[in-house]
C-alpha atoms as a PDB file:
ATOM      1  CA  UNK A   1       5.662  13.112 -15.626  1.00  0.00           C
ATOM      2  CA  UNK A   2       2.600  11.031 -15.708  1.00  0.00           C
ATOM      3  CA  UNK A   3      -1.249  11.465 -14.801  1.00  0.00           C
ATOM      4  CA  UNK A   4      -2.210   9.780 -11.779  1.00  0.00           C
ATOM      5  CA  UNK A   5      -5.149   9.635  -9.914  1.00  0.00           C
ATOM      6  CA  UNK A   6      -6.360  13.293 -11.087  1.00  0.00           C
ATOM      7  CA  UNK A   7      -2.310  14.343 -10.253  1.00  0.00           C
ATOM      8  CA  UNK A   8       0.339  14.640 -12.333  1.00  0.00           C
ATOM      9  CA  UNK A   9       2.953  12.452 -10.993  1.00  0.00           C
ATOM     10  CA  UNK A  10       7.041  11.387 -11.797  1.00  0.00           C
ATOM     11  CA  UNK A  11       7.050   7.858 -12.929  1.00  0.00           C
ATOM     12  CA  UNK A  12      10.945   7.966 -12.932  1.00  0.00           C
ATOM     13  CA  UNK A  13      13.351  10.037 -12.186  1.00  0.00           C
ATOM     14  CA  UNK A  14      16.933   9.850 -13.864  1.00  0.00           C
ATOM     15  CA  UNK A  15      18.636   6.833 -13.187  1.00  0.00           C
ATOM     16  CA  UNK A  16      15.251   4.969 -14.427  1.00  0.00           C
ATOM     17  CA  UNK A  17      13.166   2.473 -12.861  1.00  0.00           C
ATOM     18  CA  UNK A  18      15.313  -0.469 -11.876  1.00  0.00           C
ATOM     19  CA  UNK A  19      17.704   1.354 -10.689  1.00  0.00           C
ATOM     20  CA  UNK A  20      15.513   3.273  -8.052  1.00  0.00           C
ATOM     21  CA  UNK A  21      13.990  -0.100  -7.032  1.00  0.00           C
ATOM     22  CA  UNK A  22      17.446  -1.293  -6.202  1.00  0.00           C
ATOM     23  CA  UNK A  23      18.599   2.094  -4.093  1.00  0.00           C
ATOM     24  CA  UNK A  24      15.536   1.321  -2.308  1.00  0.00           C
ATOM     25  CA  UNK A  25      16.416  -2.605  -1.581  1.00  0.00           C
ATOM     26  CA  UNK A  26      20.049  -1.355  -0.783  1.00  0.00           C
ATOM     27  CA  UNK A  27      20.028   2.067   0.436  1.00  0.00           C
ATOM     28  CA  UNK A  28      17.311   4.644   0.813  1.00  0.00           C
ATOM     29  CA  UNK A  29      15.550   6.814  -1.303  1.00  0.00           C
ATOM     30  CA  UNK A  30      12.176   9.319  -0.963  1.00  0.00           C
ATOM     31  CA  UNK A  31       8.569   9.060  -2.896  1.00  0.00           C
ATOM     32  CA  UNK A  32       6.627  11.940  -3.288  1.00  0.00           C
ATOM     33  CA  UNK A  33       3.126  10.433  -2.436  1.00  0.00           C
ATOM     34  CA  UNK A  34       1.443  13.828  -2.219  1.00  0.00           C
ATOM     35  CA  UNK A  35      -1.191  12.058  -4.402  1.00  0.00           C
ATOM     36  CA  UNK A  36      -2.469  10.001  -1.252  1.00  0.00           C
ATOM     37  CA  UNK A  37      -5.390  11.836  -0.016  1.00  0.00           C
ATOM     38  CA  UNK A  38      -5.945  12.912   3.798  1.00  0.00           C
ATOM     39  CA  UNK A  39      -9.228  13.064   5.435  1.00  0.00           C
ATOM     40  CA  UNK A  40      -9.004  14.812   8.677  1.00  0.00           C
ATOM     41  CA  UNK A  41     -11.556  13.009  11.246  1.00  0.00           C
ATOM     42  CA  UNK A  42     -11.876  15.026  14.354  1.00  0.00           C
ATOM     43  CA  UNK A  43     -14.474  15.730  17.361  1.00  0.00           C
ATOM     44  CA  UNK A  44     -15.722  13.397  20.095  1.00  0.00           C
ATOM     45  CA  UNK A  45     -17.294  10.921  18.078  1.00  0.00           C
ATOM     46  CA  UNK A  46     -14.686  10.867  15.420  1.00  0.00           C
ATOM     47  CA  UNK A  47     -13.327   7.434  17.175  1.00  0.00           C
ATOM     48  CA  UNK A  48     -16.637   5.583  17.008  1.00  0.00           C
ATOM     49  CA  UNK A  49     -17.689   7.084  13.275  1.00  0.00           C
ATOM     50  CA  UNK A  50     -14.384   5.366  12.295  1.00  0.00           C
ATOM     51  CA  UNK A  51     -14.973   1.896  14.644  1.00  0.00           C
ATOM     52  CA  UNK A  52     -18.154   1.489  12.788  1.00  0.00           C
ATOM     53  CA  UNK A  53     -17.243   1.833   9.676  1.00  0.00           C
ATOM     54  CA  UNK A  54     -13.989   0.277   8.550  1.00  0.00           C
ATOM     55  CA  UNK A  55     -13.124  -2.826   9.399  1.00  0.00           C
ATOM     56  CA  UNK A  56      -9.916  -3.130  11.480  1.00  0.00           C
ATOM     57  CA  UNK A  57     -10.289  -2.552  15.646  1.00  0.00           C
ATOM     58  CA  UNK A  58      -8.788   1.021  16.556  1.00  0.00           C
ATOM     59  CA  UNK A  59      -8.962  -0.589  20.304  1.00  0.00           C
ATOM     60  CA  UNK A  60      -6.478  -2.633  19.834  1.00  0.00           C
ATOM     61  CA  UNK A  61      -3.904   0.801  18.793  1.00  0.00           C
ATOM     62  CA  UNK A  62      -4.300   4.457  20.948  1.00  0.00           C
ATOM     63  CA  UNK A  63      -3.239   7.505  20.030  1.00  0.00           C
ATOM     64  CA  UNK A  64       0.194   8.228  18.608  1.00  0.00           C
ATOM     65  CA  UNK A  65      -0.044   4.901  16.091  1.00  0.00           C
ATOM     66  CA  UNK A  66      -1.145   3.885  12.823  1.00  0.00           C
ATOM     67  CA  UNK A  67      -3.053   1.045  11.448  1.00  0.00           C
ATOM     68  CA  UNK A  68      -4.184  -0.264   8.599  1.00  0.00           C
ATOM     69  CA  UNK A  69      -7.622  -0.978   7.441  1.00  0.00           C
ATOM     70  CA  UNK A  70     -10.583  -1.708   4.377  1.00  0.00           C
ATOM     71  CA  UNK A  71     -13.518   0.370   3.996  1.00  0.00           C
ATOM     72  CA  UNK A  72     -16.171  -2.096   2.423  1.00  0.00           C
ATOM     73  CA  UNK A  73     -19.138  -1.927   0.481  1.00  0.00           C
ATOM     74  CA  UNK A  74     -22.426  -3.640   1.633  1.00  0.00           C
ATOM     75  CA  UNK A  75     -21.113  -6.533  -0.560  1.00  0.00           C
ATOM     76  CA  UNK A  76     -17.413  -7.101   1.175  1.00  0.00           C
ATOM     77  CA  UNK A  77     -15.835  -5.916  -1.600  1.00  0.00           C
ATOM     78  CA  UNK A  78     -13.101  -3.125  -0.923  1.00  0.00           C
ATOM     79  CA  UNK A  79     -13.900  -0.228  -1.237  1.00  0.00           C
ATOM     80  CA  UNK A  80     -10.643   1.383  -0.403  1.00  0.00           C
ATOM     81  CA  UNK A  81      -7.746   0.528   1.599  1.00  0.00           C
ATOM     82  CA  UNK A  82      -6.040   2.638   3.878  1.00  0.00           C
ATOM     83  CA  UNK A  83      -3.936   3.504   7.407  1.00  0.00           C
ATOM     84  CA  UNK A  84      -5.467   5.761   9.399  1.00  0.00           C
ATOM     85  CA  UNK A  85      -3.018   7.914  11.668  1.00  0.00           C
ATOM     86  CA  UNK A  86      -4.625   8.684  15.210  1.00  0.00           C
ATOM     87  CA  UNK A  87      -3.124  11.834  16.000  1.00  0.00           C
ATOM     88  CA  UNK A  88      -4.229  13.207  19.247  1.00  0.00           C
ATOM     89  CA  UNK A  89      -7.586  11.629  21.705  1.00  0.00           C
ATOM     90  CA  UNK A  90     -10.050  13.373  19.267  1.00  0.00           C
ATOM     91  CA  UNK A  91      -7.820  13.826  15.973  1.00  0.00           C
ATOM     92  CA  UNK A  92      -7.836  11.033  12.978  1.00  0.00           C
ATOM     93  CA  UNK A  93      -5.807  11.835   9.744  1.00  0.00           C
ATOM     94  CA  UNK A  94      -7.180   8.566   7.188  1.00  0.00           C
ATOM     95  CA  UNK A  95      -4.993   8.397   4.165  1.00  0.00           C
ATOM     96  CA  UNK A  96      -7.195   6.466   1.208  1.00  0.00           C
ATOM     97  CA  UNK A  97      -5.685   6.377  -2.278  1.00  0.00           C
ATOM     98  CA  UNK A  98      -5.421   8.861  -4.928  1.00  0.00           C
ATOM     99  CA  UNK A  99      -8.492   8.144  -6.676  1.00  0.00           C
ATOM    100  CA  UNK A 100     -10.631   7.385  -3.447  1.00  0.00           C
ATOM    101  CA  UNK A 101     -11.466  10.723  -0.974  1.00  0.00           C
ATOM    102  CA  UNK A 102     -14.165  11.594  -1.737  1.00  0.00           C
ATOM    103  CA  UNK A 103     -15.668   8.420  -1.800  1.00  0.00           C
ATOM    104  CA  UNK A 104     -13.965   7.926   1.662  1.00  0.00           C
ATOM    105  CA  UNK A 105     -15.072  11.356   3.007  1.00  0.00           C
ATOM    106  CA  UNK A 106     -18.371  10.371   2.171  1.00  0.00           C
ATOM    107  CA  UNK A 107     -18.094   7.456   4.280  1.00  0.00           C
ATOM    108  CA  UNK A 108     -16.482   8.704   7.135  1.00  0.00           C
ATOM    109  CA  UNK A 109     -17.457  12.442   7.048  1.00  0.00           C
ATOM    110  CA  UNK A 110     -14.054  14.564   7.909  1.00  0.00           C
ATOM    111  CA  UNK A 111     -12.290  17.028   5.864  1.00  0.00           C
ATOM    112  CA  UNK A 112     -10.285  16.942   2.848  1.00  0.00           C
ATOM    113  CA  UNK A 113      -6.788  18.840   3.864  1.00  0.00           C
ATOM    114  CA  UNK A 114      -5.123  16.782   0.931  1.00  0.00           C
ATOM    115  CA  UNK A 115      -3.687  19.861  -1.117  1.00  0.00           C
ATOM    116  CA  UNK A 116      -2.523  21.606   1.902  1.00  0.00           C
ATOM    117  CA  UNK A 117       0.283  19.195   2.587  1.00  0.00           C
ATOM    118  CA  UNK A 118       2.486  17.065   0.320  1.00  0.00           C
ATOM    119  CA  UNK A 119       3.643  13.983   2.168  1.00  0.00           C
ATOM    120  CA  UNK A 120       7.332  12.236   1.504  1.00  0.00           C
ATOM    121  CA  UNK A 121       7.912   8.534   2.076  1.00  0.00           C
ATOM    122  CA  UNK A 122      11.230   7.964   3.061  1.00  0.00           C
ATOM    123  CA  UNK A 123      12.508   4.042   2.756  1.00  0.00           C
ATOM    124  CA  UNK A 124      15.385   1.724   2.200  1.00  0.00           C
ATOM    125  CA  UNK A 125      17.260  -0.330   4.824  1.00  0.00           C
ATOM    126  CA  UNK A 126      19.414   2.852   5.365  1.00  0.00           C
ATOM    127  CA  UNK A 127      16.404   5.222   5.266  1.00  0.00           C
ATOM    128  CA  UNK A 128      16.562   6.008   9.562  1.00  0.00           C
ATOM    129  CA  UNK A 129      20.082   6.622   9.282  1.00  0.00           C
ATOM    130  CA  UNK A 130      20.254   8.708   6.044  1.00  0.00           C
ATOM    131  CA  UNK A 131      17.403  10.904   7.701  1.00  0.00           C
ATOM    132  CA  UNK A 132      18.371  11.547  11.156  1.00  0.00           C
ATOM    133  CA  UNK A 133      21.464  13.805   9.508  1.00  0.00           C
ATOM    134  CA  UNK A 134      18.635  16.047   8.941  1.00  0.00           C
ATOM    135  CA  UNK A 135      15.429  15.855  10.756  1.00  0.00           C
ATOM    136  CA  UNK A 136      16.362  12.985  13.731  1.00  0.00           C
ATOM    137  CA  UNK A 137      12.933  14.202  15.085  1.00  0.00           C
ATOM    138  CA  UNK A 138      11.609  12.286  11.876  1.00  0.00           C
ATOM    139  CA  UNK A 139      13.996   9.507  12.213  1.00  0.00           C
ATOM    140  CA  UNK A 140      12.591   8.430  15.579  1.00  0.00           C
ATOM    141  CA  UNK A 141       9.783   7.357  14.882  1.00  0.00           C
ATOM    142  CA  UNK A 142       9.525   3.726  14.525  1.00  0.00           C
ATOM    143  CA  UNK A 143       7.378   1.149  12.531  1.00  0.00           C
ATOM    144  CA  UNK A 144       3.917   2.015  13.112  1.00  0.00           C
ATOM    145  CA  UNK A 145       3.851   5.098  15.190  1.00  0.00           C
ATOM    146  CA  UNK A 146       2.359   8.597  14.767  1.00  0.00           C
ATOM    147  CA  UNK A 147       4.255  11.341  15.779  1.00  0.00           C
ATOM    148  CA  UNK A 148       4.420  15.367  15.284  1.00  0.00           C
ATOM    149  CA  UNK A 149       7.566  16.823  15.055  1.00  0.00           C
ATOM    150  CA  UNK A 150       8.731  20.925  14.372  1.00  0.00           C
ATOM    151  CA  UNK A 151      10.704  21.692  10.492  1.00  0.00           C
ATOM    152  CA  UNK A 152      11.213  24.547   9.839  1.00  0.00           C
ATOM    153  CA  UNK A 153       9.004  26.494  12.232  1.00  0.00           C
ATOM    154  CA  UNK A 154       5.935  24.012  11.479  1.00  0.00           C
ATOM    155  CA  UNK A 155       4.308  20.713  12.728  1.00  0.00           C
ATOM    156  CA  UNK A 156       4.818  18.265  10.226  1.00  0.00           C
ATOM    157  CA  UNK A 157       2.900  14.636  11.295  1.00  0.00           C
ATOM    158  CA  UNK A 158       5.247  11.765  10.852  1.00  0.00           C
ATOM    159  CA  UNK A 159       3.804   7.998  10.601  1.00  0.00           C
ATOM    160  CA  UNK A 160       6.090   4.839  10.343  1.00  0.00           C
ATOM    161  CA  UNK A 161       5.082   3.279   7.259  1.00  0.00           C
ATOM    162  CA  UNK A 162       5.814   2.830   4.048  1.00  0.00           C
ATOM    163  CA  UNK A 163       4.672   0.623   1.071  1.00  0.00           C
ATOM    164  CA  UNK A 164       8.250  -1.000  -0.658  1.00  0.00           C
ATOM    165  CA  UNK A 165       8.556  -3.856   2.385  1.00  0.00           C
ATOM    166  CA  UNK A 166      11.500  -1.681   3.639  1.00  0.00           C
ATOM    167  CA  UNK A 167      11.947   0.226   7.112  1.00  0.00           C
ATOM    168  CA  UNK A 168      11.155   3.980   6.888  1.00  0.00           C
ATOM    169  CA  UNK A 169       8.911   6.751   7.368  1.00  0.00           C
ATOM    170  CA  UNK A 170       6.193   9.215   5.803  1.00  0.00           C
ATOM    171  CA  UNK A 171       5.990  13.080   6.455  1.00  0.00           C
ATOM    172  CA  UNK A 172       2.849  14.997   5.727  1.00  0.00           C
ATOM    173  CA  UNK A 173       4.359  18.491   5.441  1.00  0.00           C
ATOM    174  CA  UNK A 174       2.573  21.935   4.861  1.00  0.00           C
ATOM    175  CA  UNK A 175       2.706  22.201   1.010  1.00  0.00           C
ATOM    176  CA  UNK A 176       4.550  25.108   1.412  1.00  0.00           C
ATOM    177  CA  UNK A 177       7.476  24.023   3.158  1.00  0.00           C
ATOM    178  CA  UNK A 178       7.727  20.740   1.369  1.00  0.00           C
ATOM    179  CA  UNK A 179      10.080  22.271  -1.204  1.00  0.00           C
ATOM    180  CA  UNK A 180      12.991  22.756   1.949  1.00  0.00           C
ATOM    181  CA  UNK A 181      12.268  19.098   3.492  1.00  0.00           C
ATOM    182  CA  UNK A 182      12.550  17.544  -0.415  1.00  0.00           C
ATOM    183  CA  UNK A 183      15.870  19.418  -1.100  1.00  0.00           C
ATOM    184  CA  UNK A 184      17.715  18.043   2.425  1.00  0.00           C
ATOM    185  CA  UNK A 185      16.507  15.017   2.522  1.00  0.00           C
ATOM    186  CA  UNK A 186      17.764  13.991  -1.334  1.00  0.00           C
ATOM    187  CA  UNK A 187      20.934  16.525   0.226  1.00  0.00           C
ATOM    188  CA  UNK A 188      21.444  13.193   3.354  1.00  0.00           C
ATOM    189  CA  UNK A 189      21.720  10.922   0.513  1.00  0.00           C
ATOM    190  CA  UNK A 190      18.831   9.432  -0.423  1.00  0.00           C
ATOM    191  CA  UNK A 191      17.617   9.016  -4.332  1.00  0.00           C
ATOM    192  CA  UNK A 192      14.595   9.916  -5.466  1.00  0.00           C
ATOM    193  CA  UNK A 193      11.981   7.695  -6.715  1.00  0.00           C
ATOM    194  CA  UNK A 194       9.021   7.675  -8.353  1.00  0.00           C
ATOM    195  CA  UNK A 195       5.746   5.581  -9.136  1.00  0.00           C
ATOM    196  CA  UNK A 196       7.910   2.725 -11.563  1.00  0.00           C
ATOM    197  CA  UNK A 197      10.017   1.543  -9.071  1.00  0.00           C
ATOM    198  CA  UNK A 198       6.949   2.182  -6.085  1.00  0.00           C
ATOM    199  CA  UNK A 199       4.838  -0.351  -8.299  1.00  0.00           C
ATOM    200  CA  UNK A 200       7.163  -3.080  -8.795  1.00  0.00           C
ATOM    201  CA  UNK A 201       9.029  -3.045  -4.851  1.00  0.00           C
ATOM    202  CA  UNK A 202       5.287  -3.048  -3.738  1.00  0.00           C
ATOM    203  CA  UNK A 203       4.772  -6.394  -5.747  1.00  0.00           C
ATOM    204  CA  UNK A 204       7.766  -7.928  -4.959  1.00  0.00           C
ATOM    205  CA  UNK A 205       6.784  -7.331  -0.858  1.00  0.00           C
ATOM    206  CA  UNK A 206       3.122  -9.010  -1.737  1.00  0.00           C
ATOM    207  CA  UNK A 207       1.241  -5.567  -1.179  1.00  0.00           C
ATOM    208  CA  UNK A 208      -2.256  -4.834  -2.442  1.00  0.00           C
ATOM    209  CA  UNK A 209      -2.525  -1.775  -5.365  1.00  0.00           C
ATOM    210  CA  UNK A 210      -6.302  -0.803  -5.119  1.00  0.00           C
ATOM    211  CA  UNK A 211      -7.455  -1.554  -8.605  1.00  0.00           C
ATOM    212  CA  UNK A 212      -5.784  -4.913  -8.754  1.00  0.00           C
ATOM    213  CA  UNK A 213      -5.525  -6.782  -5.333  1.00  0.00           C
ATOM    214  CA  UNK A 214      -8.648  -4.765  -4.178  1.00  0.00           C
ATOM    215  CA  UNK A 215     -11.640  -3.557  -5.434  1.00  0.00           C
ATOM    216  CA  UNK A 216     -15.128  -4.040  -6.998  1.00  0.00           C
ATOM    217  CA  UNK A 217     -15.885  -8.075  -6.549  1.00  0.00           C
ATOM    218  CA  UNK A 218     -12.515  -8.675  -4.212  1.00  0.00           C
ATOM    219  CA  UNK A 219     -13.027  -8.713  -0.618  1.00  0.00           C
ATOM    220  CA  UNK A 220     -10.595  -8.891   2.270  1.00  0.00           C
ATOM    221  CA  UNK A 221     -10.640 -12.907   2.104  1.00  0.00           C
ATOM    222  CA  UNK A 222     -10.020 -13.174  -1.077  1.00  0.00           C
ATOM    223  CA  UNK A 223      -7.339 -11.168  -1.137  1.00  0.00           C
ATOM    224  CA  UNK A 224      -5.398 -13.085   1.871  1.00  0.00           C
ATOM    225  CA  UNK A 225      -6.323  -9.964   4.372  1.00  0.00           C
ATOM    226  CA  UNK A 226      -8.976 -11.345   6.671  1.00  0.00           C
ATOM    227  CA  UNK A 227      -6.763 -10.944   9.449  1.00  0.00           C
ATOM    228  CA  UNK A 228      -7.677  -6.368   8.961  1.00  0.00           C
ATOM    229  CA  UNK A 229     -11.374  -7.530   8.926  1.00  0.00           C
ATOM    230  CA  UNK A 230     -12.146  -7.734  13.308  1.00  0.00           C
ATOM    231  CA  UNK A 231     -15.365  -9.540  13.723  1.00  0.00           C
ATOM    232  CA  UNK A 232     -16.358  -9.179  17.077  1.00  0.00           C
ATOM    233  CA  UNK A 233     -16.885  -5.648  16.068  1.00  0.00           C
ATOM    234  CA  UNK A 234     -20.386  -5.391  16.795  1.00  0.00           C
ATOM    235  CA  UNK A 235     -21.246  -3.278  13.504  1.00  0.00           C
ATOM    236  CA  UNK A 236     -18.976  -2.189  10.423  1.00  0.00           C
ATOM    237  CA  UNK A 237     -19.366  -1.257   6.300  1.00  0.00           C
ATOM    238  CA  UNK A 238     -20.061  -4.599   4.523  1.00  0.00           C
ATOM    239  CA  UNK A 239     -19.988  -7.155   8.077  1.00  0.00           C
ATOM    240  CA  UNK A 240     -22.890  -9.253   7.441  1.00  0.00           C
ATOM    241  CA  UNK A 241     -21.594 -10.118   3.804  1.00  0.00           C
ATOM    242  CA  UNK A 242     -18.163 -10.845   4.696  1.00  0.00           C
ATOM    243  CA  UNK A 243     -19.232 -13.268   7.770  1.00  0.00           C
ATOM    244  CA  UNK A 244     -21.644 -15.456   5.104  1.00  0.00           C
ATOM    245  CA  UNK A 245     -18.511 -15.659   2.698  1.00  0.00           C
ATOM    246  CA  UNK A 246     -15.865 -17.231   5.792  1.00  0.00           C
ATOM    247  CA  UNK A 247     -18.645 -19.569   6.441  1.00  0.00           C
ATOM    248  CA  UNK A 248     -19.431 -20.687   3.179  1.00  0.00           C
ATOM    249  CA  UNK A 249     -15.337 -20.254   2.114  1.00  0.00           C
ATOM    250  CA  UNK A 250     -13.938 -18.110  -0.588  1.00  0.00           C
ATOM    251  CA  UNK A 251     -14.216 -19.138  -4.079  1.00  0.00           C
ATOM    252  CA  UNK A 252     -10.508 -17.695  -5.104  1.00  0.00           C
ATOM    253  CA  UNK A 253      -7.545 -16.692  -2.899  1.00  0.00           C
ATOM    254  CA  UNK A 254      -4.407 -14.205  -3.536  1.00  0.00           C
ATOM    255  CA  UNK A 255      -1.427 -15.919  -4.780  1.00  0.00           C
ATOM    256  CA  UNK A 256       2.156 -15.706  -6.136  1.00  0.00           C
ATOM    257  CA  UNK A 257       3.476 -17.127  -9.284  1.00  0.00           C
ATOM    258  CA  UNK A 258       7.375 -16.796 -10.329  1.00  0.00           C
ATOM    259  CA  UNK A 259       8.283 -17.063 -14.008  1.00  0.00           C
ATOM    260  CA  UNK A 260      11.630 -17.858 -14.821  1.00  0.00           C
ATOM    261  CA  UNK A 261      13.504 -15.082 -17.594  1.00  0.00           C
ATOM    262  CA  UNK A 262      13.339 -11.876 -17.975  1.00  0.00           C
ATOM    263  CA  UNK A 263       9.982 -11.571 -19.901  1.00  0.00           C
ATOM    264  CA  UNK A 264       7.237 -10.237 -17.504  1.00  0.00           C
ATOM    265  CA  UNK A 265       4.002 -11.278 -16.804  1.00  0.00           C
ATOM    266  CA  UNK A 266       1.479  -8.234 -16.635  1.00  0.00           C
ATOM    267  CA  UNK A 267      -2.040  -7.830 -15.022  1.00  0.00           C
ATOM    268  CA  UNK A 268      -5.265  -9.390 -16.651  1.00  0.00           C
ATOM    269  CA  UNK A 269      -3.198 -12.847 -18.494  1.00  0.00           C
ATOM    270  CA  UNK A 270      -5.464 -15.712 -17.968  1.00  0.00           C
ATOM    271  CA  UNK A 271      -3.520 -18.582 -15.782  1.00  0.00           C
ATOM    272  CA  UNK A 272      -4.158 -22.177 -16.791  1.00  0.00           C
ATOM    273  CA  UNK A 273      -3.439 -25.202 -15.148  1.00  0.00           C
ATOM    274  CA  UNK A 274      -3.102 -28.760 -17.321  1.00  0.00           C
ATOM    275  CA  UNK A 275      -4.298 -26.794 -20.543  1.00  0.00           C
ATOM    276  CA  UNK A 276      -7.459 -25.250 -18.104  1.00  0.00           C
ATOM    277  CA  UNK A 277      -7.912 -21.613 -17.230  1.00  0.00           C
ATOM    278  CA  UNK A 278      -8.755 -21.078 -13.887  1.00  0.00           C
ATOM    279  CA  UNK A 279      -7.827 -17.307 -12.820  1.00  0.00           C
ATOM    280  CA  UNK A 280      -6.282 -13.946 -13.620  1.00  0.00           C
ATOM    281  CA  UNK A 281      -3.350 -12.617 -12.967  1.00  0.00           C
ATOM    282  CA  UNK A 282      -4.147  -9.252 -10.973  1.00  0.00           C
ATOM    283  CA  UNK A 283      -0.557  -7.531 -11.491  1.00  0.00           C
ATOM    284  CA  UNK A 284       2.935  -8.172 -13.365  1.00  0.00           C
ATOM    285  CA  UNK A 285       6.384  -6.697 -13.422  1.00  0.00           C
ATOM    286  CA  UNK A 286       9.780  -8.707 -13.813  1.00  0.00           C
ATOM    287  CA  UNK A 287      11.432  -8.051 -10.117  1.00  0.00           C
ATOM    288  CA  UNK A 288      14.630  -6.518 -10.264  1.00  0.00           C
ATOM    289  CA  UNK A 289      15.916  -8.694  -7.271  1.00  0.00           C
ATOM    290  CA  UNK A 290      15.179 -11.424  -8.371  1.00  0.00           C
ATOM    291  CA  UNK A 291      16.232 -11.056 -11.952  1.00  0.00           C
ATOM    292  CA  UNK A 292      12.515 -12.712 -13.337  1.00  0.00           C
ATOM    293  CA  UNK A 293       9.174 -12.503 -13.612  1.00  0.00           C
ATOM    294  CA  UNK A 294       6.800 -12.352 -10.463  1.00  0.00           C
ATOM    295  CA  UNK A 295       2.600 -11.868 -10.506  1.00  0.00           C
ATOM    296  CA  UNK A 296       0.005 -12.051  -8.608  1.00  0.00           C
ATOM    297  CA  UNK A 297      -3.348 -13.495  -9.163  1.00  0.00           C
ATOM    298  CA  UNK A 298      -6.529 -14.668  -8.162  1.00  0.00           C
ATOM    299  CA  UNK A 299      -6.797 -18.784  -8.160  1.00  0.00           C
ATOM    300  CA  UNK A 300      -8.909 -21.258  -6.452  1.00  0.00           C
ATOM    301  CA  UNK A 301      -7.863 -21.908  -2.840  1.00  0.00           C
ATOM    302  CA  UNK A 302      -6.953 -25.437  -3.262  1.00  0.00           C
ATOM    303  CA  UNK A 303      -3.956 -24.232  -5.713  1.00  0.00           C
ATOM    304  CA  UNK A 304      -0.774 -25.795  -3.468  1.00  0.00           C
ATOM    305  CA  UNK A 305       2.195 -23.796  -3.654  1.00  0.00           C
ATOM    306  CA  UNK A 306       4.671 -25.291  -6.014  1.00  0.00           C
ATOM    307  CA  UNK A 307       2.232 -26.048  -8.873  1.00  0.00           C
ATOM    308  CA  UNK A 308       3.226 -25.691 -11.825  1.00  0.00           C
ATOM    309  CA  UNK A 309       1.105 -22.937 -14.345  1.00  0.00           C
ATOM    310  CA  UNK A 310       0.960 -21.216 -17.219  1.00  0.00           C
ATOM    311  CA  UNK A 311      -0.286 -17.850 -18.060  1.00  0.00           C
ATOM    312  CA  UNK A 312      -0.820 -16.307 -21.949  1.00  0.00           C
ATOM    313  CA  UNK A 313       0.600 -12.806 -21.975  1.00  0.00           C
ATOM    314  CA  UNK A 314      -0.490 -11.648 -25.306  1.00  0.00           C
ATOM    315  CA  UNK A 315      -0.669 -14.892 -26.785  1.00  0.00           C
ATOM    316  CA  UNK A 316       2.748 -15.942 -25.980  1.00  0.00           C
ATOM    317  CA  UNK A 317       2.619 -18.421 -23.035  1.00  0.00           C
ATOM    318  CA  UNK A 318       4.671 -18.475 -20.074  1.00  0.00           C
ATOM    319  CA  UNK A 319       5.579 -21.135 -17.653  1.00  0.00           C
ATOM    320  CA  UNK A 320       5.250 -20.171 -13.680  1.00  0.00           C
ATOM    321  CA  UNK A 321       4.532 -21.288 -10.034  1.00  0.00           C
ATOM    322  CA  UNK A 322       3.047 -21.011  -7.496  1.00  0.00           C
ATOM    323  CA  UNK A 323       4.452 -19.226  -4.882  1.00  0.00           C
ATOM    324  CA  UNK A 324       4.293 -17.667  -1.229  1.00  0.00           C
ATOM    325  CA  UNK A 325       4.528 -14.184  -0.839  1.00  0.00           C
ATOM    326  CA  UNK A 326       5.836 -12.001  -0.491  1.00  0.00           C
ATOM    327  CA  UNK A 327       7.827 -12.551  -3.045  1.00  0.00           C
ATOM    328  CA  UNK A 328      11.205 -10.499  -1.230  1.00  0.00           C
ATOM    329  CA  UNK A 329      11.492  -9.926   2.114  1.00  0.00           C
ATOM    330  CA  UNK A 330      13.477  -7.465   4.593  1.00  0.00           C
ATOM    331  CA  UNK A 331      17.573  -7.968   5.098  1.00  0.00           C
END
């Protein structure tokens, strides 16, 4: 157990991070992700409040759908990356990162209901099949759909979302009965997995982590997430700054780097091309699936795939190659 965003969270269970990681890629795991926030935004103006604040466009979806979006600062940097669950006509559950819940409430209003529920993420190629043996209604929720289901007489909310690059769902369950759902899921042969595997899985999938690939001074365009910005909306936080950056072009772009050998790069390591420092890593680790090191890094936008780079890891020089992401895709 480790402190994380004000919570005590499991880093790993009995088998360790690599075994948990491979279980997710090959079969199914369950994560306790109750540290994620839930902000309930409701009322006749709920949709409009989200539309004029967040970068993505809710008009592209509808009730019963989920959408990835950003909350930006006035300078265009990402204050948080968020999943919005559109539950009912005027009811939205906005899911911020653990340490950003109060910031999101200040921006969009709503009620912080985080402590009333737990969130379990069931992920992996066999996740749906195994979950269906104990909770078929939840297993029937498909990618980026949202539904309310009954578990032991209580209403739970299920979304076809996740953070591993694999199929699966996330289930928000009332805290009082969360343990019963956990034991049922584990009893169906779904292995528990901790934050260590969650981080290596999202890195293999090329997914950003706030505080590393997103945060102060980092815009959606620099992170390669321009698709989450809907320019046609009349307004949203940071729009003017992002329009200006789009017009002049980004000064850096998030890229993948593959490193041979088992020694992994880490975050905040200088990256050089031909001996000249050109950027820095944001995340790095050993890839259990590929069997070698991988990293994400901000590099000049004209650096091409296949470019040779050197990463300085505490004085040791690791050779790497710029590659497209994701590093690992779903089978």
